[in-house]
Amino acid sequence: MSRVLSPSRSRAVRRAAGTALAAALLTGTLAAPAALASTPAASAASTTTAAATTVFADDFESGTVANWTRQRIDGNGSITVPGAPTGGSGLAARFSVPNDGQSYRSEVAVNALGWGSYRFALADYLPADWVQTSTETIVAQWHGYPLADGSDTKPPIALTVKDGNWRLKVHWLTDPSTVQEAVIPLGSVQFGHWNQWAFDITWSTDATPGSVTVYRDGVPVGAHSGLNNYHQNQAPYFKTGIYRANWNPAKGLPYPTGGPDVVLYSDSVVVTKY
């Protein structure tokens, strides 16, 4: 862990900026997302409103990732908190994974926040020299737990990059061990640009319909209606950073090594419950 000093705003100002991002998309009130089909650019909205409560936030102005429950690096990657790249201000979390045949993960996570409806707002930045590849990279995910038979699961919801395009992937069970998947395209990646994301998520339960609505830079870009997790004892927990599953050497999948590190910046994370 390292701290790189740079001109920065105070924590309070950065926290306010993240909260403003979470609220700006709500047109003055916190609207619960409508149940929408799995199509891009869905823009329907519900008139149901409720008060919002911030349940987690980090603008990284502390120079650390200490606010997060845990961090994980598999291989020789790193998590640091340097100055934000062009277009940002203050400090930001920097995740790095080298293409060395051993490294595949660099992430931070926060424990499950409970069932219900949430807005996860965050900013991320993929550098201009990002190497476009068909190897999928997860940059934010809401992860579940092993299934009843002990097998690992795909994350119930994941924001990914593949071949220069954003995708949302949603997983759920149709029986105790069969996982279904929906893939929702979210548009082309703009490299060297700070993306302002908001994910309105209502977790499905045995008694509650689920929904996910995704906004990028204030514009709705995709949505999913229906089951969106595995209905386990705890709600999925949130992670952000870099995860390239196909680079895990345990999978034994061939891929060319060498070239620049995979790097992602993250900032202004604000989670509100409504």
Protein backbone atom coordinates (compact mmCIF):
# COMPACT_ATOMS: atom_id res chain seq x y z
CA MET A 1 0.00 0.00 0.00
CA SER A 2 1.37 3.41 -0.87
CA ARG A 3 0.22 6.95 -0.69
CA VAL A 4 1.18 9.42 -3.37
CA LEU A 5 0.61 13.01 -2.40
CA SER A 6 -1.03 15.36 -4.91
CA PRO A 7 -3.15 18.52 -4.85
CA SER A 8 -6.50 17.33 -3.58
CA ARG A 9 -9.80 18.39 -2.23
CA SER A 10 -10.80 17.56 1.31
CA ARG A 11 -12.53 14.28 2.13
CA ALA A 12 -15.73 16.15 2.85
CA VAL A 13 -15.81 17.81 -0.56
CA ARG A 14 -15.00 14.56 -2.38
CA ARG A 15 -17.64 12.71 -0.35
CA ALA A 16 -20.16 15.40 -1.25
CA ALA A 17 -19.27 15.04 -4.93
CA GLY A 18 -19.89 11.30 -4.83
CA THR A 19 -23.18 11.77 -3.02
CA ALA A 20 -24.20 14.38 -5.57
CA LEU A 21 -23.51 11.88 -8.35
CA ALA A 22 -25.73 9.32 -6.64
CA ALA A 23 -28.52 11.87 -6.28
CA ALA A 24 -28.22 13.70 -9.60
CA LEU A 25 -29.71 10.84 -11.60
CA LEU A 26 -32.78 10.78 -9.42
CA THR A 27 -34.26 14.07 -10.70
CA GLY A 28 -34.79 15.43 -7.24
CA THR A 29 -36.17 12.31 -5.54
CA LEU A 30 -34.92 8.79 -5.11
CA ALA A 31 -36.97 6.76 -7.57
CA ALA A 32 -37.06 3.01 -7.19
CA PRO A 33 -36.22 1.50 -10.61
CA ALA A 34 -39.05 -0.05 -12.59
CA ALA A 35 -38.92 -3.70 -13.61
CA LEU A 36 -37.36 -3.50 -17.08
CA ALA A 37 -36.48 -6.00 -19.80
CA SER A 38 -32.88 -7.06 -20.46
CA THR A 39 -32.32 -4.51 -23.21
CA PRO A 40 -29.81 -1.67 -23.54
CA ALA A 41 -30.83 1.96 -23.22
CA ALA A 42 -33.92 1.13 -21.15
CA SER A 43 -35.26 4.34 -19.64
CA ALA A 44 -38.51 3.57 -17.84
CA ALA A 45 -38.76 4.89 -14.29
CA SER A 46 -41.08 4.29 -11.37
CA THR A 47 -42.82 7.05 -9.46
CA THR A 48 -42.24 5.23 -6.17
CA THR A 49 -39.99 7.29 -3.91
CA ALA A 50 -38.31 6.76 -0.56
CA ALA A 51 -35.67 8.38 1.60
CA ALA A 52 -32.07 7.39 0.84
CA THR A 53 -29.46 6.44 3.44
CA THR A 54 -25.74 6.27 2.68
CA VAL A 55 -24.48 2.89 3.87
CA PHE A 56 -20.94 2.97 2.45
CA ALA A 57 -18.69 5.60 0.85
CA ASP A 58 -15.03 6.03 0.00
CA ASP A 59 -13.37 8.83 -1.99
CA PHE A 60 -9.85 7.47 -1.23
CA GLU A 61 -8.69 10.86 0.08
CA SER A 62 -7.28 9.02 3.10
CA GLY A 63 -4.57 7.70 0.78
CA THR A 64 -5.48 4.10 1.69
CA VAL A 65 -8.17 1.50 1.06
CA ALA A 66 -8.69 0.99 4.79
CA ASN A 67 -12.45 1.65 4.52
CA TRP A 68 -12.88 -1.60 2.61
CA THR A 69 -13.45 -4.86 4.46
CA ARG A 70 -10.69 -6.66 2.60
CA GLN A 71 -8.40 -6.58 -0.39
CA ARG A 72 -7.07 -9.40 -2.51
CA ILE A 73 -4.17 -9.65 -4.93
CA ASP A 74 -3.53 -12.92 -6.76
CA GLY A 75 -0.07 -12.87 -8.31
CA ASN A 76 2.14 -9.81 -8.53
CA GLY A 77 -0.39 -7.02 -8.89
CA SER A 78 -0.81 -3.97 -6.69
CA ILE A 79 -3.36 -1.64 -5.10
CA THR A 80 -2.15 1.91 -4.52
CA VAL A 81 -3.73 5.33 -4.00
CA PRO A 82 -1.92 7.90 -6.19
CA GLY A 83 -3.17 11.13 -7.71
CA ALA A 84 -6.13 10.71 -10.04
CA PRO A 85 -5.33 10.70 -13.78
CA THR A 86 -6.47 13.40 -16.21
CA GLY A 87 -10.06 14.47 -15.68
CA GLY A 88 -10.11 13.52 -12.00
CA SER A 89 -8.91 15.33 -8.90
CA GLY A 90 -7.39 14.42 -5.58
CA LEU A 91 -6.54 10.77 -5.00
CA ALA A 92 -7.95 7.60 -6.58
CA ALA A 93 -7.46 3.88 -6.11
CA ARG A 94 -5.18 2.33 -8.74
CA PHE A 95 -5.42 -1.40 -9.45
CA SER A 96 -2.72 -3.12 -11.49
CA VAL A 97 -2.30 -6.69 -12.78
CA PRO A 98 0.82 -7.62 -14.78
CA ASN A 99 0.57 -9.98 -17.75
CA ASP A 100 3.18 -12.39 -16.37
CA GLY A 101 1.38 -15.74 -16.53
CA GLN A 102 0.77 -15.73 -12.77
CA SER A 103 -1.32 -12.65 -11.94
CA TYR A 104 -5.06 -12.28 -12.46
CA ARG A 105 -6.69 -10.30 -9.61
CA SER A 106 -6.37 -6.99 -7.77
CA GLU A 107 -9.57 -6.03 -5.92
CA VAL A 108 -11.11 -4.52 -2.81
CA ALA A 109 -14.40 -5.63 -1.29
CA VAL A 110 -16.95 -4.57 1.28
CA ASN A 111 -19.12 -7.02 3.21
CA ALA A 112 -22.72 -7.67 2.23
CA LEU A 113 -25.01 -4.75 3.03
CA GLY A 114 -28.26 -6.72 3.25
CA TRP A 115 -31.25 -7.35 1.04
CA GLY A 116 -33.38 -4.57 -0.42
CA SER A 117 -32.87 -1.78 -2.97
CA TYR A 118 -29.59 0.10 -3.40
CA ARG A 119 -27.82 2.56 -5.64
CA PHE A 120 -24.11 1.85 -6.17
CA ALA A 121 -22.44 4.96 -7.63
CA LEU A 122 -18.78 5.01 -8.57
CA ALA A 123 -16.31 6.44 -11.07
CA ASP A 124 -13.75 4.43 -12.99
CA TYR A 125 -11.06 5.15 -15.57
CA LEU A 126 -9.46 2.84 -18.12
CA PRO A 127 -6.20 4.34 -19.44
CA ALA A 128 -5.77 5.17 -23.13
CA ASP A 129 -3.15 2.40 -23.49
CA TRP A 130 -5.54 -0.33 -22.28
CA VAL A 131 -4.95 -3.39 -24.50
CA GLN A 132 -8.25 -4.46 -26.05
CA THR A 133 -8.72 -8.22 -25.85
CA SER A 134 -11.36 -10.90 -26.04
CA THR A 135 -10.26 -11.96 -22.54
CA GLU A 136 -13.05 -10.62 -20.34
CA THR A 137 -12.09 -8.30 -17.48
CA ILE A 138 -14.43 -7.80 -14.51
CA VAL A 139 -14.04 -4.28 -13.11
CA ALA A 140 -16.93 -4.29 -10.59
CA GLN A 141 -18.93 -7.19 -9.27
CA TRP A 142 -21.51 -8.23 -6.73
CA HIS A 143 -20.42 -11.66 -5.59
CA GLY A 144 -22.24 -14.57 -3.97
CA TYR A 145 -21.09 -17.57 -1.97
CA PRO A 146 -20.47 -21.28 -2.71
CA LEU A 147 -23.56 -23.27 -3.65
CA ALA A 148 -25.08 -25.97 -1.47
CA ASP A 149 -22.86 -28.59 -3.13
CA GLY A 150 -19.75 -26.52 -2.34
CA SER A 151 -19.10 -25.38 -5.92
CA ASP A 152 -18.02 -21.82 -6.60
CA THR A 153 -20.32 -19.48 -8.49
CA LYS A 154 -20.08 -16.76 -11.07
CA PRO A 155 -20.84 -13.30 -9.60
CA PRO A 156 -24.60 -12.64 -9.61
CA ILE A 157 -23.93 -9.23 -11.23
CA ALA A 158 -20.73 -8.08 -12.94
CA LEU A 159 -19.58 -5.07 -14.97
CA THR A 160 -17.10 -6.31 -17.55
CA VAL A 161 -14.95 -5.16 -20.47
CA LYS A 162 -14.50 -7.37 -23.53
CA ASP A 163 -13.17 -6.40 -26.99
CA GLY A 164 -13.48 -2.71 -26.10
CA ASN A 165 -17.13 -2.95 -25.04
CA TRP A 166 -18.91 -2.65 -21.70
CA ARG A 167 -21.17 -5.53 -20.67
CA LEU A 168 -23.38 -6.30 -17.70
CA LYS A 169 -23.65 -9.98 -16.79
CA VAL A 170 -26.40 -11.28 -14.48
CA HIS A 171 -26.55 -14.82 -13.06
CA TRP A 172 -29.20 -16.76 -11.16
CA LEU A 173 -30.22 -20.35 -10.36
CA THR A 174 -32.95 -22.38 -12.03
CA ASP A 175 -32.30 -25.30 -9.65
CA PRO A 176 -29.83 -25.85 -6.78
CA SER A 177 -26.85 -26.17 -9.15
CA THR A 178 -27.80 -24.81 -12.61
CA VAL A 179 -26.72 -21.22 -13.26
CA GLN A 180 -28.43 -19.10 -15.91
CA GLU A 181 -26.85 -16.00 -17.47
CA ALA A 182 -28.02 -12.79 -19.14
CA VAL A 183 -25.54 -10.55 -20.98
CA ILE A 184 -26.60 -6.93 -21.51
CA PRO A 185 -24.45 -4.74 -23.82
CA LEU A 186 -23.71 -1.30 -22.37
CA GLY A 187 -21.87 0.37 -25.28
CA SER A 188 -18.29 1.00 -26.34
CA VAL A 189 -15.55 1.86 -23.87
CA GLN A 190 -14.17 5.40 -24.02
CA PHE A 191 -10.56 4.94 -22.93
CA GLY A 192 -8.79 7.74 -21.09
CA HIS A 193 -12.15 8.91 -19.72
CA TRP A 194 -13.70 8.97 -16.24
CA ASN A 195 -16.97 6.99 -16.36
CA GLN A 196 -19.61 8.01 -13.82
CA TRP A 197 -21.60 4.84 -13.10
CA ALA A 198 -24.77 4.24 -11.12
CA PHE A 199 -26.35 0.82 -10.62
CA ASP A 200 -29.87 0.71 -9.19
CA ILE A 201 -30.23 -2.81 -7.83
CA THR A 202 -33.23 -4.40 -6.15
CA TRP A 203 -32.15 -7.84 -5.03
CA SER A 204 -34.56 -10.61 -5.96
CA THR A 205 -35.69 -12.92 -3.17
CA ASP A 206 -38.21 -15.74 -2.99
CA ALA A 207 -40.83 -13.04 -2.33
CA THR A 208 -39.35 -9.99 -4.14
CA PRO A 209 -38.96 -9.37 -7.89
CA GLY A 210 -35.47 -8.20 -8.79
CA SER A 211 -34.26 -5.45 -11.12
CA VAL A 212 -31.04 -3.78 -12.24
CA THR A 213 -30.81 -0.44 -14.07
CA VAL A 214 -27.43 0.90 -15.21
CA TYR A 215 -26.51 4.54 -15.88
CA ARG A 216 -23.26 5.77 -17.39
CA ASP A 217 -22.49 9.49 -17.32
CA GLY A 218 -26.10 10.17 -16.36
CA VAL A 219 -27.66 8.20 -19.24
CA PRO A 220 -29.50 4.88 -18.81
CA VAL A 221 -27.59 2.27 -20.84
CA GLY A 222 -29.05 -1.09 -19.82
CA ALA A 223 -31.39 -2.98 -17.53
CA HIS A 224 -32.44 -6.43 -16.40
CA SER A 225 -35.69 -7.56 -14.78
CA GLY A 226 -36.13 -10.76 -12.80
CA LEU A 227 -33.90 -13.05 -10.76
CA ASN A 228 -30.46 -11.52 -10.15
CA ASN A 229 -28.72 -13.65 -7.51
CA TYR A 230 -28.72 -17.12 -5.93
CA HIS A 231 -31.07 -16.37 -3.00
CA GLN A 232 -28.49 -17.37 -0.40
CA ASN A 233 -28.43 -16.60 3.32
CA GLN A 234 -26.67 -13.26 2.71
CA ALA A 235 -27.05 -10.70 -0.06
CA PRO A 236 -24.16 -10.47 -2.56
CA TYR A 237 -21.21 -8.31 -1.53
CA PHE A 238 -19.57 -5.59 -3.65
CA LYS A 239 -16.06 -5.66 -5.14
CA THR A 240 -14.19 -3.35 -7.49
CA GLY A 241 -10.81 -3.56 -9.18
CA ILE A 242 -9.48 -5.98 -11.81
CA TYR A 243 -10.31 -9.67 -12.19
CA ARG A 244 -9.31 -11.69 -15.26
CA ALA A 245 -10.51 -15.23 -14.57
CA ASN A 246 -8.93 -16.69 -17.71
CA TRP A 247 -5.49 -15.55 -16.53
CA ASN A 248 -5.74 -17.75 -13.44
CA PRO A 249 -2.93 -20.28 -13.98
CA ALA A 250 -5.02 -22.94 -12.24
CA LYS A 251 -7.33 -22.95 -15.29
CA GLY A 252 -4.48 -23.92 -17.59
CA LEU A 253 -5.75 -21.72 -20.42
CA PRO A 254 -3.11 -20.56 -22.93
CA TYR A 255 -2.76 -16.83 -23.60
CA PRO A 256 0.08 -14.60 -24.79
CA THR A 257 2.03 -13.00 -21.95
CA GLY A 258 4.02 -9.80 -21.87
CA GLY A 259 2.97 -6.26 -22.72
CA PRO A 260 1.74 -3.53 -20.40
CA ASP A 261 0.08 -4.12 -17.07
CA VAL A 262 -3.71 -4.05 -16.90
CA VAL A 263 -4.53 -0.86 -14.96
CA LEU A 264 -7.82 0.56 -13.68
CA TYR A 265 -8.55 3.58 -11.48
CA SER A 266 -11.61 3.81 -9.21
CA ASP A 267 -12.97 6.73 -7.19
CA SER A 268 -16.00 8.32 -5.49
CA VAL A 269 -17.77 5.15 -4.38
CA VAL A 270 -21.12 5.89 -2.71
CA VAL A 271 -23.73 3.25 -1.82
CA THR A 272 -27.20 4.36 -0.77
CA LYS A 273 -30.11 2.25 0.41
CA TYR A 274 -33.69 3.24 -0.31
